[in-house]
């Protein structure tokens, strides 16, 4: 187990070759990594870099990230994951030459929603709040807390979930990401 962000019990799923968890979490996202199940594209990938702690019940996860997104589908943000068929990821994704806020909800099959940012943001904060059978996704830009509603989604209640940070580079050569904050509170 890893100690980071003032707490112990952090772990990797698909750890990148280069990372450090000193003052925040820094990583180099490896090429060919992704998190997606079947829908539209016909493939399933479970190779994204996930850094988190397993947490039962209601929680609030806040992730603040800055990254050098450069190629199609480069992405970094927050993750709640029960297993390979039940997860939610939300963050920044570089799509068709522009920056977007992206949310993927997977219950066996992935669905994807995007909101164009219109510009690069120095830092993006994502908040995932799990209450009962729902997760509320919020965001904040350039130092603002995640208060703006992005999505509300069903999430199976009663199952412990890995809560933390994620990054993937499905089509590009990889990129550097820095997570300034990954905070989990329960209750």
Protein backbone atom coordinates (compact mmCIF):
# COMPACT_ATOMS: atom_id res chain seq x y z
CA UNK A 1 0.00 0.00 0.00
CA UNK A 2 1.09 3.55 -0.74
CA UNK A 3 0.93 6.66 1.44
CA UNK A 4 -0.11 9.80 -0.46
CA UNK A 5 -2.25 12.90 0.06
CA UNK A 6 -1.95 12.51 3.82
CA UNK A 7 -3.45 9.02 3.95
CA UNK A 8 -2.32 5.41 3.64
CA UNK A 9 -3.96 2.59 1.72
CA UNK A 10 -3.57 3.94 -1.82
CA UNK A 11 -3.02 1.41 -4.58
CA UNK A 12 -2.51 1.20 -8.32
CA UNK A 13 -4.52 -0.65 -10.89
CA UNK A 14 -2.41 -0.64 -14.07
CA UNK A 15 0.46 1.41 -12.65
CA UNK A 16 2.46 3.48 -15.14
CA UNK A 17 6.20 2.89 -15.38
CA UNK A 18 6.93 6.50 -14.30
CA UNK A 19 5.17 8.01 -11.29
CA UNK A 20 5.80 9.64 -7.94
CA UNK A 21 3.53 10.39 -5.00
CA UNK A 22 5.47 12.99 -3.07
CA UNK A 23 3.91 16.43 -3.28
CA UNK A 24 0.79 15.31 -5.16
CA UNK A 25 0.78 12.56 -7.76
CA UNK A 26 2.78 12.88 -10.95
CA UNK A 27 2.72 10.30 -13.72
CA UNK A 28 3.57 9.75 -17.34
CA UNK A 29 0.54 8.16 -18.95
CA UNK A 30 1.53 5.31 -21.21
CA UNK A 31 0.26 4.91 -24.79
CA UNK A 32 -2.44 2.35 -25.56
CA UNK A 33 -4.20 2.79 -22.22
CA UNK A 34 -7.98 3.20 -22.00
CA UNK A 35 -11.10 2.43 -19.99
CA UNK A 36 -14.13 1.54 -22.14
CA UNK A 37 -16.70 -1.26 -22.50
CA UNK A 38 -18.04 -2.29 -25.92
CA UNK A 39 -20.51 0.46 -26.93
CA UNK A 40 -20.13 1.86 -30.46
CA UNK A 41 -16.46 0.96 -30.87
CA UNK A 42 -16.89 -2.76 -30.21
CA UNK A 43 -13.86 -3.11 -27.94
CA UNK A 44 -13.28 -3.34 -24.21
CA UNK A 45 -10.20 -1.83 -22.57
CA UNK A 46 -9.38 -1.97 -18.88
CA UNK A 47 -5.82 -0.65 -19.05
CA UNK A 48 -6.12 2.96 -17.81
CA UNK A 49 -3.91 4.02 -14.91
CA UNK A 50 -6.06 4.10 -11.74
CA UNK A 51 -4.72 5.33 -8.39
CA UNK A 52 -7.10 5.13 -5.46
CA UNK A 53 -8.37 3.69 -2.21
CA UNK A 54 -11.25 1.25 -1.80
CA UNK A 55 -14.04 2.95 0.11
CA UNK A 56 -17.46 1.60 1.20
CA UNK A 57 -20.68 3.60 1.19
CA UNK A 58 -21.29 7.28 0.65
CA UNK A 59 -18.29 9.44 -0.21
CA UNK A 60 -17.08 12.62 -1.82
CA UNK A 61 -14.06 12.43 -4.11
CA UNK A 62 -12.31 15.57 -5.31
CA UNK A 63 -9.53 15.37 -7.90
CA UNK A 64 -7.62 18.38 -9.24
CA UNK A 65 -5.46 17.73 -12.29
CA UNK A 66 -3.29 19.52 -14.83
CA UNK A 67 -1.95 17.60 -17.83
CA UNK A 68 -0.20 17.98 -21.17
CA UNK A 69 -3.06 16.60 -23.28
CA UNK A 70 -1.91 16.52 -26.90
CA UNK A 71 -3.53 13.71 -28.85
CA UNK A 72 -6.98 12.33 -29.57
CA UNK A 73 -8.68 10.98 -26.41
CA UNK A 74 -5.86 11.88 -23.96
CA UNK A 75 -7.72 12.04 -20.63
CA UNK A 76 -7.22 12.49 -16.90
CA UNK A 77 -9.60 12.92 -13.98
CA UNK A 78 -11.52 11.05 -11.30
CA UNK A 79 -12.71 7.43 -11.07
CA UNK A 80 -15.17 5.41 -9.01
CA UNK A 81 -14.87 1.72 -9.81
CA UNK A 82 -16.64 -1.31 -8.37
CA UNK A 83 -15.23 -3.63 -11.03
CA UNK A 84 -14.69 -3.98 -14.77
CA UNK A 85 -18.41 -3.62 -15.54
CA UNK A 86 -19.40 -0.89 -13.04
CA UNK A 87 -17.48 2.39 -13.01
CA UNK A 88 -17.69 6.14 -13.61
CA UNK A 89 -14.83 8.27 -14.87
CA UNK A 90 -14.95 12.05 -15.32
CA UNK A 91 -12.33 14.63 -16.23
CA UNK A 92 -10.74 16.44 -19.13
CA UNK A 93 -10.47 14.71 -22.49
CA UNK A 94 -8.83 16.02 -25.66
CA UNK A 95 -11.24 15.26 -28.52
CA UNK A 96 -11.08 16.44 -32.15
CA UNK A 97 -8.46 19.07 -31.35
CA UNK A 98 -10.32 20.63 -28.41
CA UNK A 99 -10.61 20.29 -24.64
CA UNK A 100 -13.81 18.77 -23.22
CA UNK A 101 -15.21 17.80 -19.87
CA UNK A 102 -15.93 14.12 -20.29
CA UNK A 103 -17.96 11.63 -18.29
CA UNK A 104 -18.26 7.92 -18.99
CA UNK A 105 -20.73 5.82 -17.01
CA UNK A 106 -20.40 2.07 -17.41
CA UNK A 107 -22.89 -0.54 -16.30
CA UNK A 108 -21.72 -3.39 -18.51
CA UNK A 109 -21.80 -0.98 -21.49
CA UNK A 110 -20.14 2.44 -21.55
CA UNK A 111 -21.94 5.67 -22.37
CA UNK A 112 -20.10 8.93 -22.97
CA UNK A 113 -21.07 12.56 -22.57
CA UNK A 114 -18.91 15.59 -23.31
CA UNK A 115 -19.11 19.33 -22.70
CA UNK A 116 -16.74 21.51 -24.75
CA UNK A 117 -14.49 23.69 -22.60
CA UNK A 118 -13.66 26.04 -25.46
CA UNK A 119 -10.15 26.53 -24.05
CA UNK A 120 -7.42 24.84 -22.10
CA UNK A 121 -7.76 25.16 -18.32
CA UNK A 122 -4.65 25.27 -16.12
CA UNK A 123 -6.30 23.04 -13.54
CA UNK A 124 -9.61 21.23 -13.53
CA UNK A 125 -11.27 19.95 -10.38
CA UNK A 126 -13.73 17.08 -10.59
CA UNK A 127 -16.04 16.12 -7.75
CA UNK A 128 -17.79 12.74 -7.59
CA UNK A 129 -20.29 12.50 -4.76
CA UNK A 130 -21.76 9.07 -4.08
CA UNK A 131 -25.01 9.01 -2.13
CA UNK A 132 -27.02 5.79 -2.01
CA UNK A 133 -27.60 4.70 -5.60
CA UNK A 134 -26.41 7.88 -7.32
CA UNK A 135 -23.22 9.75 -8.18
CA UNK A 136 -23.31 13.49 -8.80
CA UNK A 137 -20.51 14.73 -11.05
CA UNK A 138 -19.39 18.37 -10.67
CA UNK A 139 -16.47 20.42 -11.98
CA UNK A 140 -14.52 23.63 -11.35
CA UNK A 141 -11.97 25.37 -13.58
CA UNK A 142 -8.67 27.11 -12.81
CA UNK A 143 -8.73 26.74 -9.05
CA UNK A 144 -12.49 26.89 -8.50
CA UNK A 145 -13.96 24.07 -6.42
CA UNK A 146 -16.09 21.49 -8.24
CA UNK A 147 -19.52 23.09 -7.82
CA UNK A 148 -20.96 23.19 -11.36
CA UNK A 149 -23.21 20.22 -12.12
CA UNK A 150 -22.08 18.05 -15.03
CA UNK A 151 -24.07 14.84 -14.57
CA UNK A 152 -26.13 12.67 -12.23
CA UNK A 153 -25.82 8.91 -12.77
CA UNK A 154 -26.95 5.65 -11.22
CA UNK A 155 -24.24 3.72 -9.37
CA UNK A 156 -24.89 0.39 -7.61
CA UNK A 157 -25.32 0.98 -3.86
CA UNK A 158 -23.77 -1.12 -1.12
CA UNK A 159 -20.61 -2.06 -3.02
CA UNK A 160 -17.17 -0.76 -2.00
CA UNK A 161 -15.56 1.25 -4.81
CA UNK A 162 -12.03 2.22 -5.74
CA UNK A 163 -12.08 6.03 -5.54
CA UNK A 164 -9.27 8.11 -6.96
CA UNK A 165 -7.46 9.42 -10.03
CA UNK A 166 -7.30 8.05 -13.56
CA UNK A 167 -5.42 8.76 -16.77
CA UNK A 168 -5.35 7.17 -20.23
CA UNK A 169 -3.83 7.75 -23.67
CA UNK A 170 -5.80 5.48 -26.04
CA UNK A 171 -4.36 6.64 -29.37
CA UNK A 172 -1.41 8.92 -28.66
CA UNK A 173 2.16 8.51 -27.50
CA UNK A 174 1.34 9.28 -23.85
CA UNK A 175 1.50 12.47 -21.78
CA UNK A 176 2.45 13.85 -18.38
CA UNK A 177 -0.19 14.52 -15.73
CA UNK A 178 -0.03 16.07 -12.27
CA UNK A 179 -2.76 15.48 -9.71
CA UNK A 180 -2.55 18.34 -7.22
CA UNK A 181 -5.36 16.92 -5.10
CA UNK A 182 -7.02 13.56 -4.63
CA UNK A 183 -9.21 13.84 -1.55
CA UNK A 184 -11.78 11.37 -0.25
CA UNK A 185 -14.22 12.06 2.56
CA UNK A 186 -16.85 9.60 3.79
CA UNK A 187 -20.25 10.08 5.25
